[in-house]
Amino acid sequence: MNIKPVPVELVGETLMNFVITYNPIDVLQHIACDLPKEVLTDVRQRIHDWLVSGGHHTDHYVRQQVAYAQKVYAAMGGGDLVV
């Protein structure tokens, strides 16, 4: 069997494309039940305000809010998720 190695540059590019295209709202929905009510309410309100002001659900600000929720989730023993 002749398996050719994949160039590192291609792997990095593929990973970056994944990071850019995933929907952070899906991640938040996945962990929502395990978050404290105060954290979930705050994060959802911030994201809602951002979207109403013309932002997009894949903007850096939304990702930052979801990353915070994930850190709380991980600190509570829920494990890690990709952001």
PDB file of N, CA and C in Angstrom:
ATOM      1  N   MET A   1       0.850  -1.165   0.000  1.00  0.00           N
ATOM      2  CA  MET A   1       0.000   0.000   0.000  1.00  0.00           C
ATOM      3  C   MET A   1       0.902   1.237   0.000  1.00  0.00           C
ATOM      4  N   ASN A   2       0.607   2.166  -0.872  1.00  0.00           N
ATOM      5  CA  ASN A   2       1.407   3.378  -0.994  1.00  0.00           C
ATOM      6  C   ASN A   2       0.569   4.577  -0.517  1.00  0.00           C
ATOM      7  N   ILE A   3       0.835   5.022   0.700  1.00  0.00           N
ATOM      8  CA  ILE A   3       0.104   6.154   1.276  1.00  0.00           C
ATOM      9  C   ILE A   3       0.996   7.383   1.236  1.00  0.00           C
ATOM     10  N   LYS A   4       0.510   8.414   0.599  1.00  0.00           N
ATOM     11  CA  LYS A   4       1.283   9.645   0.497  1.00  0.00           C
ATOM     12  C   LYS A   4       0.947  10.564   1.672  1.00  0.00           C
ATOM     13  N   PRO A   5       1.955  11.213   2.243  1.00  0.00           N
ATOM     14  CA  PRO A   5       1.678  12.140   3.342  1.00  0.00           C
ATOM     15  C   PRO A   5       0.936  13.379   2.843  1.00  0.00           C
ATOM     16  N   VAL A   6       0.122  13.917   3.715  1.00  0.00           N
ATOM     17  CA  VAL A   6      -0.622  15.134   3.398  1.00  0.00           C
ATOM     18  C   VAL A   6       0.217  16.325   3.830  1.00  0.00           C
ATOM     19  N   PRO A   7       0.399  17.320   2.956  1.00  0.00           N
ATOM     20  CA  PRO A   7       1.182  18.496   3.337  1.00  0.00           C
ATOM     21  C   PRO A   7       0.570  19.206   4.549  1.00  0.00           C
ATOM     22  N   VAL A   8       1.416  19.635   5.454  1.00  0.00           N
ATOM     23  CA  VAL A   8       0.967  20.312   6.668  1.00  0.00           C
ATOM     24  C   VAL A   8       0.131  21.537   6.326  1.00  0.00           C
ATOM     25  N   GLU A   9       0.511  22.263   5.292  1.00  0.00           N
ATOM     26  CA  GLU A   9      -0.220  23.462   4.903  1.00  0.00           C
ATOM     27  C   GLU A   9      -1.680  23.143   4.574  1.00  0.00           C
ATOM     28  N   LEU A  10      -1.902  22.015   3.911  1.00  0.00           N
ATOM     29  CA  LEU A  10      -3.250  21.621   3.538  1.00  0.00           C
ATOM     30  C   LEU A  10      -4.076  21.274   4.767  1.00  0.00           C
ATOM     31  N   VAL A  11      -3.482  20.596   5.716  1.00  0.00           N
ATOM     32  CA  VAL A  11      -4.185  20.232   6.945  1.00  0.00           C
ATOM     33  C   VAL A  11      -4.587  21.493   7.693  1.00  0.00           C
ATOM     34  N   GLY A  12      -3.648  22.438   7.827  1.00  0.00           N
ATOM     35  CA  GLY A  12      -3.946  23.693   8.512  1.00  0.00           C
ATOM     36  C   GLY A  12      -5.060  24.461   7.834  1.00  0.00           C
ATOM     37  N   GLU A  13      -5.033  24.488   6.505  1.00  0.00           N
ATOM     38  CA  GLU A  13      -6.065  25.195   5.746  1.00  0.00           C
ATOM     39  C   GLU A  13      -7.426  24.536   5.960  1.00  0.00           C
ATOM     40  N   THR A  14      -7.469  23.220   5.971  1.00  0.00           N
ATOM     41  CA  THR A  14      -8.716  22.504   6.184  1.00  0.00           C
ATOM     42  C   THR A  14      -9.264  22.784   7.572  1.00  0.00           C
ATOM     43  N   LEU A  15      -8.411  22.770   8.574  1.00  0.00           N
ATOM     44  CA  LEU A  15      -8.854  23.066   9.934  1.00  0.00           C
ATOM     45  C   LEU A  15      -9.376  24.491  10.049  1.00  0.00           C
ATOM     46  N   MET A  16      -8.715  25.435   9.414  1.00  0.00           N
ATOM     47  CA  MET A  16      -9.171  26.820   9.460  1.00  0.00           C
ATOM     48  C   MET A  16     -10.524  26.963   8.784  1.00  0.00           C
ATOM     49  N   ASN A  17     -10.739  26.239   7.686  1.00  0.00           N
ATOM     50  CA  ASN A  17     -12.035  26.295   7.011  1.00  0.00           C
ATOM     51  C   ASN A  17     -13.127  25.754   7.910  1.00  0.00           C
ATOM     52  N   PHE A  18     -12.842  24.715   8.691  1.00  0.00           N
ATOM     53  CA  PHE A  18     -13.821  24.174   9.622  1.00  0.00           C
ATOM     54  C   PHE A  18     -14.147  25.196  10.696  1.00  0.00           C
ATOM     55  N   VAL A  19     -13.127  25.811  11.249  1.00  0.00           N
ATOM     56  CA  VAL A  19     -13.326  26.783  12.316  1.00  0.00           C
ATOM     57  C   VAL A  19     -14.171  27.942  11.825  1.00  0.00           C
ATOM     58  N   ILE A  20     -13.988  28.337  10.589  1.00  0.00           N
ATOM     59  CA  ILE A  20     -14.727  29.471  10.044  1.00  0.00           C
ATOM     60  C   ILE A  20     -16.179  29.109   9.755  1.00  0.00           C
ATOM     61  N   THR A  21     -16.457  27.859   9.383  1.00  0.00           N
ATOM     62  CA  THR A  21     -17.791  27.506   8.915  1.00  0.00           C
ATOM     63  C   THR A  21     -18.718  26.914   9.980  1.00  0.00           C
ATOM     64  N   TYR A  22     -18.226  26.527  11.139  1.00  0.00           N
ATOM     65  CA  TYR A  22     -19.137  25.939  12.116  1.00  0.00           C
ATOM     66  C   TYR A  22     -20.035  27.018  12.702  1.00  0.00           C
ATOM     67  N   ASN A  23     -21.187  26.613  13.182  1.00  0.00           N
ATOM     68  CA  ASN A  23     -22.161  27.541  13.731  1.00  0.00           C
ATOM     69  C   ASN A  23     -22.037  27.548  15.256  1.00  0.00           C
ATOM     70  N   PRO A  24     -21.559  28.646  15.853  1.00  0.00           N
ATOM     71  CA  PRO A  24     -21.377  28.692  17.299  1.00  0.00           C
ATOM     72  C   PRO A  24     -22.696  28.558  18.058  1.00  0.00           C
ATOM     73  N   ILE A  25     -23.799  28.933  17.444  1.00  0.00           N
ATOM     74  CA  ILE A  25     -25.105  28.807  18.100  1.00  0.00           C
ATOM     75  C   ILE A  25     -25.425  27.333  18.349  1.00  0.00           C
ATOM     76  N   ASP A  26     -25.033  26.465  17.430  1.00  0.00           N
ATOM     77  CA  ASP A  26     -25.237  25.023  17.616  1.00  0.00           C
ATOM     78  C   ASP A  26     -24.461  24.516  18.832  1.00  0.00           C
ATOM     79  N   VAL A  27     -23.244  25.021  18.995  1.00  0.00           N
ATOM     80  CA  VAL A  27     -22.429  24.628  20.144  1.00  0.00           C
ATOM     81  C   VAL A  27     -23.110  25.075  21.432  1.00  0.00           C
ATOM     82  N   LEU A  28     -23.599  26.298  21.446  1.00  0.00           N
ATOM     83  CA  LEU A  28     -24.274  26.819  22.640  1.00  0.00           C
ATOM     84  C   LEU A  28     -25.518  25.999  22.963  1.00  0.00           C
ATOM     85  N   GLN A  29     -26.276  25.653  21.951  1.00  0.00           N
ATOM     86  CA  GLN A  29     -27.474  24.840  22.176  1.00  0.00           C
ATOM     87  C   GLN A  29     -27.117  23.467  22.741  1.00  0.00           C
ATOM     88  N   HIS A  30     -25.985  22.943  22.333  1.00  0.00           N
ATOM     89  CA  HIS A  30     -25.560  21.621  22.792  1.00  0.00           C
ATOM     90  C   HIS A  30     -25.256  21.610  24.293  1.00  0.00           C
ATOM     91  N   ILE A  31     -24.719  22.705  24.819  1.00  0.00           N
ATOM     92  CA  ILE A  31     -24.325  22.742  26.229  1.00  0.00           C
ATOM     93  C   ILE A  31     -25.289  23.529  27.102  1.00  0.00           C
ATOM     94  N   ALA A  32     -26.325  24.114  26.510  1.00  0.00           N
ATOM     95  CA  ALA A  32     -27.230  25.022  27.223  1.00  0.00           C
ATOM     96  C   ALA A  32     -27.842  24.408  28.475  1.00  0.00           C
ATOM     97  N   CYS A  33     -28.249  23.162  28.420  1.00  0.00           N
ATOM     98  CA  CYS A  33     -28.910  22.528  29.565  1.00  0.00           C
ATOM     99  C   CYS A  33     -27.993  22.366  30.768  1.00  0.00           C
ATOM    100  N   ASP A  34     -26.701  22.343  30.534  1.00  0.00           N
ATOM    101  CA  ASP A  34     -25.742  22.118  31.614  1.00  0.00           C
ATOM    102  C   ASP A  34     -25.130  23.399  32.159  1.00  0.00           C
ATOM    103  N   LEU A  35     -25.532  24.546  31.623  1.00  0.00           N
ATOM    104  CA  LEU A  35     -24.998  25.822  32.094  1.00  0.00           C
ATOM    105  C   LEU A  35     -25.881  26.404  33.198  1.00  0.00           C
ATOM    106  N   PRO A  36     -25.281  27.158  34.110  1.00  0.00           N
ATOM    107  CA  PRO A  36     -26.107  27.871  35.083  1.00  0.00           C
ATOM    108  C   PRO A  36     -27.047  28.837  34.361  1.00  0.00           C
ATOM    109  N   LYS A  37     -28.236  28.993  34.886  1.00  0.00           N
ATOM    110  CA  LYS A  37     -29.244  29.836  34.245  1.00  0.00           C
ATOM    111  C   LYS A  37     -28.720  31.249  33.997  1.00  0.00           C
ATOM    112  N   GLU A  38     -27.989  31.802  34.945  1.00  0.00           N
ATOM    113  CA  GLU A  38     -27.480  33.174  34.818  1.00  0.00           C
ATOM    114  C   GLU A  38     -26.503  33.311  33.647  1.00  0.00           C
ATOM    115  N   VAL A  39     -25.650  32.312  33.495  1.00  0.00           N
ATOM    116  CA  VAL A  39     -24.662  32.339  32.401  1.00  0.00           C
ATOM    117  C   VAL A  39     -25.377  32.235  31.059  1.00  0.00           C
ATOM    118  N   LEU A  40     -26.276  31.287  30.943  1.00  0.00           N
ATOM    119  CA  LEU A  40     -26.994  31.093  29.682  1.00  0.00           C
ATOM    120  C   LEU A  40     -27.816  32.323  29.325  1.00  0.00           C
ATOM    121  N   THR A  41     -28.509  32.892  30.297  1.00  0.00           N
ATOM    122  CA  THR A  41     -29.317  34.089  30.053  1.00  0.00           C
ATOM    123  C   THR A  41     -28.450  35.246  29.578  1.00  0.00           C
ATOM    124  N   ASP A  42     -27.316  35.450  30.231  1.00  0.00           N
ATOM    125  CA  ASP A  42     -26.415  36.548  29.859  1.00  0.00           C
ATOM    126  C   ASP A  42     -25.858  36.360  28.450  1.00  0.00           C
ATOM    127  N   VAL A  43     -25.372  35.165  28.162  1.00  0.00           N
ATOM    128  CA  VAL A  43     -24.780  34.898  26.844  1.00  0.00           C
ATOM    129  C   VAL A  43     -25.829  35.032  25.744  1.00  0.00           C
ATOM    130  N   ARG A  44     -26.998  34.481  25.979  1.00  0.00           N
ATOM    131  CA  ARG A  44     -28.056  34.573  24.960  1.00  0.00           C
ATOM    132  C   ARG A  44     -28.486  36.017  24.728  1.00  0.00           C
ATOM    133  N   GLN A  45     -28.584  36.812  25.804  1.00  0.00           N
ATOM    134  CA  GLN A  45     -28.973  38.215  25.647  1.00  0.00           C
ATOM    135  C   GLN A  45     -27.922  38.995  24.876  1.00  0.00           C
ATOM    136  N   ARG A  46     -26.653  38.735  25.170  1.00  0.00           N
ATOM    137  CA  ARG A  46     -25.572  39.416  24.447  1.00  0.00           C
ATOM    138  C   ARG A  46     -25.590  39.063  22.960  1.00  0.00           C
ATOM    139  N   ILE A  47     -25.788  37.775  22.668  1.00  0.00           N
ATOM    140  CA  ILE A  47     -25.836  37.341  21.267  1.00  0.00           C
ATOM    141  C   ILE A  47     -27.067  37.944  20.588  1.00  0.00           C
ATOM    142  N   HIS A  48     -28.184  37.930  21.268  1.00  0.00           N
ATOM    143  CA  HIS A  48     -29.409  38.507  20.712  1.00  0.00           C
ATOM    144  C   HIS A  48     -29.204  39.981  20.377  1.00  0.00           C
ATOM    145  N   ASP A  49     -28.650  40.743  21.314  1.00  0.00           N
ATOM    146  CA  ASP A  49     -28.394  42.164  21.076  1.00  0.00           C
ATOM    147  C   ASP A  49     -27.475  42.369  19.873  1.00  0.00           C
ATOM    148  N   TRP A  50     -26.472  41.501  19.756  1.00  0.00           N
ATOM    149  CA  TRP A  50     -25.526  41.604  18.640  1.00  0.00           C
ATOM    150  C   TRP A  50     -26.242  41.365  17.304  1.00  0.00           C
ATOM    151  N   LEU A  51     -27.058  40.332  17.256  1.00  0.00           N
ATOM    152  CA  LEU A  51     -27.759  40.000  16.021  1.00  0.00           C
ATOM    153  C   LEU A  51     -28.766  41.081  15.641  1.00  0.00           C
ATOM    154  N   VAL A  52     -29.473  41.623  16.637  1.00  0.00           N
ATOM    155  CA  VAL A  52     -30.455  42.674  16.375  1.00  0.00           C
ATOM    156  C   VAL A  52     -29.775  43.942  15.859  1.00  0.00           C
ATOM    157  N   SER A  53     -28.543  44.178  16.297  1.00  0.00           N
ATOM    158  CA  SER A  53     -27.829  45.378  15.854  1.00  0.00           C
ATOM    159  C   SER A  53     -27.194  45.211  14.470  1.00  0.00           C
ATOM    160  N   GLY A  54     -27.418  44.064  13.844  1.00  0.00           N
ATOM    161  CA  GLY A  54     -26.917  43.857  12.485  1.00  0.00           C
ATOM    162  C   GLY A  54     -25.774  42.867  12.382  1.00  0.00           C
ATOM    163  N   GLY A  55     -25.373  42.289  13.504  1.00  0.00           N
ATOM    164  CA  GLY A  55     -24.299  41.300  13.479  1.00  0.00           C
ATOM    165  C   GLY A  55     -24.764  39.982  12.893  1.00  0.00           C
ATOM    166  N   HIS A  56     -23.813  39.096  12.667  1.00  0.00           N
ATOM    167  CA  HIS A  56     -24.091  37.780  12.087  1.00  0.00           C
ATOM    168  C   HIS A  56     -23.736  36.705  13.110  1.00  0.00           C
ATOM    169  N   HIS A  57     -24.402  35.565  13.044  1.00  0.00           N
ATOM    170  CA  HIS A  57     -24.201  34.514  14.036  1.00  0.00           C
ATOM    171  C   HIS A  57     -22.809  33.881  13.998  1.00  0.00           C
ATOM    172  N   THR A  58     -22.040  34.127  12.946  1.00  0.00           N
ATOM    173  CA  THR A  58     -20.679  33.586  12.885  1.00  0.00           C
ATOM    174  C   THR A  58     -19.612  34.644  13.150  1.00  0.00           C
ATOM    175  N   ASP A  59     -20.014  35.833  13.575  1.00  0.00           N
ATOM    176  CA  ASP A  59     -19.053  36.892  13.884  1.00  0.00           C
ATOM    177  C   ASP A  59     -18.195  36.519  15.090  1.00  0.00           C
ATOM    178  N   HIS A  60     -17.038  37.152  15.157  1.00  0.00           N
ATOM    179  CA  HIS A  60     -16.098  36.887  16.249  1.00  0.00           C
ATOM    180  C   HIS A  60     -16.733  37.137  17.613  1.00  0.00           C
ATOM    181  N   TYR A  61     -17.543  38.157  17.737  1.00  0.00           N
ATOM    182  CA  TYR A  61     -18.180  38.480  19.023  1.00  0.00           C
ATOM    183  C   TYR A  61     -19.041  37.310  19.514  1.00  0.00           C
ATOM    184  N   VAL A  62     -19.801  36.728  18.619  1.00  0.00           N
ATOM    185  CA  VAL A  62     -20.654  35.592  18.990  1.00  0.00           C
ATOM    186  C   VAL A  62     -19.781  34.403  19.391  1.00  0.00           C
ATOM    187  N   ARG A  63     -18.725  34.157  18.637  1.00  0.00           N
ATOM    188  CA  ARG A  63     -17.802  33.066  18.972  1.00  0.00           C
ATOM    189  C   ARG A  63     -17.181  33.292  20.360  1.00  0.00           C
ATOM    190  N   GLN A  64     -16.884  34.553  20.657  1.00  0.00           N
ATOM    191  CA  GLN A  64     -16.288  34.895  21.948  1.00  0.00           C
ATOM    192  C   GLN A  64     -17.278  34.597  23.081  1.00  0.00           C
ATOM    193  N   GLN A  65     -18.537  34.914  22.880  1.00  0.00           N
ATOM    194  CA  GLN A  65     -19.551  34.635  23.896  1.00  0.00           C
ATOM    195  C   GLN A  65     -19.727  33.128  24.098  1.00  0.00           C
ATOM    196  N   VAL A  66     -19.731  32.387  23.011  1.00  0.00           N
ATOM    197  CA  VAL A  66     -19.865  30.928  23.102  1.00  0.00           C
ATOM    198  C   VAL A  66     -18.626  30.326  23.760  1.00  0.00           C
ATOM    199  N   ALA A  67     -17.457  30.885  23.478  1.00  0.00           N
ATOM    200  CA  ALA A  67     -16.225  30.405  24.110  1.00  0.00           C
ATOM    201  C   ALA A  67     -16.300  30.590  25.625  1.00  0.00           C
ATOM    202  N   TYR A  68     -16.845  31.708  26.071  1.00  0.00           N
ATOM    203  CA  TYR A  68     -17.027  31.933  27.511  1.00  0.00           C
ATOM    204  C   TYR A  68     -17.956  30.868  28.099  1.00  0.00           C
ATOM    205  N   ALA A  69     -19.074  30.611  27.413  1.00  0.00           N
ATOM    206  CA  ALA A  69     -20.018  29.595  27.890  1.00  0.00           C
ATOM    207  C   ALA A  69     -19.337  28.230  27.946  1.00  0.00           C
ATOM    208  N   GLN A  70     -18.497  27.931  26.972  1.00  0.00           N
ATOM    209  CA  GLN A  70     -17.782  26.657  26.968  1.00  0.00           C
ATOM    210  C   GLN A  70     -16.799  26.563  28.129  1.00  0.00           C
ATOM    211  N   LYS A  71     -16.160  27.673  28.473  1.00  0.00           N
ATOM    212  CA  LYS A  71     -15.228  27.659  29.602  1.00  0.00           C
ATOM    213  C   LYS A  71     -15.968  27.389  30.902  1.00  0.00           C
ATOM    214  N   VAL A  72     -17.142  27.972  31.046  1.00  0.00           N
ATOM    215  CA  VAL A  72     -17.954  27.698  32.245  1.00  0.00           C
ATOM    216  C   VAL A  72     -18.366  26.221  32.241  1.00  0.00           C
ATOM    217  N   TYR A  73     -18.782  25.731  31.106  1.00  0.00           N
ATOM    218  CA  TYR A  73     -19.188  24.332  30.953  1.00  0.00           C
ATOM    219  C   TYR A  73     -18.029  23.395  31.333  1.00  0.00           C
ATOM    220  N   ALA A  74     -16.842  23.692  30.832  1.00  0.00           N
ATOM    221  CA  ALA A  74     -15.669  22.873  31.127  1.00  0.00           C
ATOM    222  C   ALA A  74     -15.298  22.957  32.603  1.00  0.00           C
ATOM    223  N   ALA A  75     -15.409  24.139  33.188  1.00  0.00           N
ATOM    224  CA  ALA A  75     -15.082  24.313  34.602  1.00  0.00           C
ATOM    225  C   ALA A  75     -16.046  23.539  35.502  1.00  0.00           C
ATOM    226  N   MET A  76     -17.240  23.316  35.012  1.00  0.00           N
ATOM    227  CA  MET A  76     -18.232  22.559  35.775  1.00  0.00           C
ATOM    228  C   MET A  76     -18.064  21.045  35.564  1.00  0.00           C
ATOM    229  N   GLY A  77     -17.033  20.661  34.824  1.00  0.00           N
ATOM    230  CA  GLY A  77     -16.773  19.243  34.598  1.00  0.00           C
ATOM    231  C   GLY A  77     -17.463  18.678  33.383  1.00  0.00           C
ATOM    232  N   GLY A  78     -17.948  19.541  32.519  1.00  0.00           N
ATOM    233  CA  GLY A  78     -18.668  19.086  31.334  1.00  0.00           C
ATOM    234  C   GLY A  78     -17.787  18.656  30.195  1.00  0.00           C
ATOM    235  N   GLY A  79     -16.488  18.949  30.281  1.00  0.00           N
ATOM    236  CA  GLY A  79     -15.578  18.580  29.203  1.00  0.00           C
ATOM    237  C   GLY A  79     -15.352  19.730  28.254  1.00  0.00           C
ATOM    238  N   ASP A  80     -14.587  19.458  27.195  1.00  0.00           N
ATOM    239  CA  ASP A  80     -14.235  20.480  26.218  1.00  0.00           C
ATOM    240  C   ASP A  80     -15.005  20.276  24.924  1.00  0.00           C
ATOM    241  N   LEU A  81     -15.345  21.365  24.280  1.00  0.00           N
ATOM    242  CA  LEU A  81     -15.924  21.344  22.951  1.00  0.00           C
ATOM    243  C   LEU A  81     -15.098  22.237  22.067  1.00  0.00           C
ATOM    244  N   VAL A  82     -15.181  22.018  20.759  1.00  0.00           N
ATOM    245  CA  VAL A  82     -14.400  22.837  19.824  1.00  0.00           C
ATOM    246  C   VAL A  82     -15.078  24.180  19.662  1.00  0.00           C
ATOM    247  N   VAL A  83     -14.302  25.247  19.710  1.00  0.00           N
ATOM    248  CA  VAL A  83     -14.807  26.602  19.455  1.00  0.00           C
ATOM    249  C   VAL A  83     -14.199  27.111  18.194  1.00  0.00           C
TER     250      VAL A  83
END
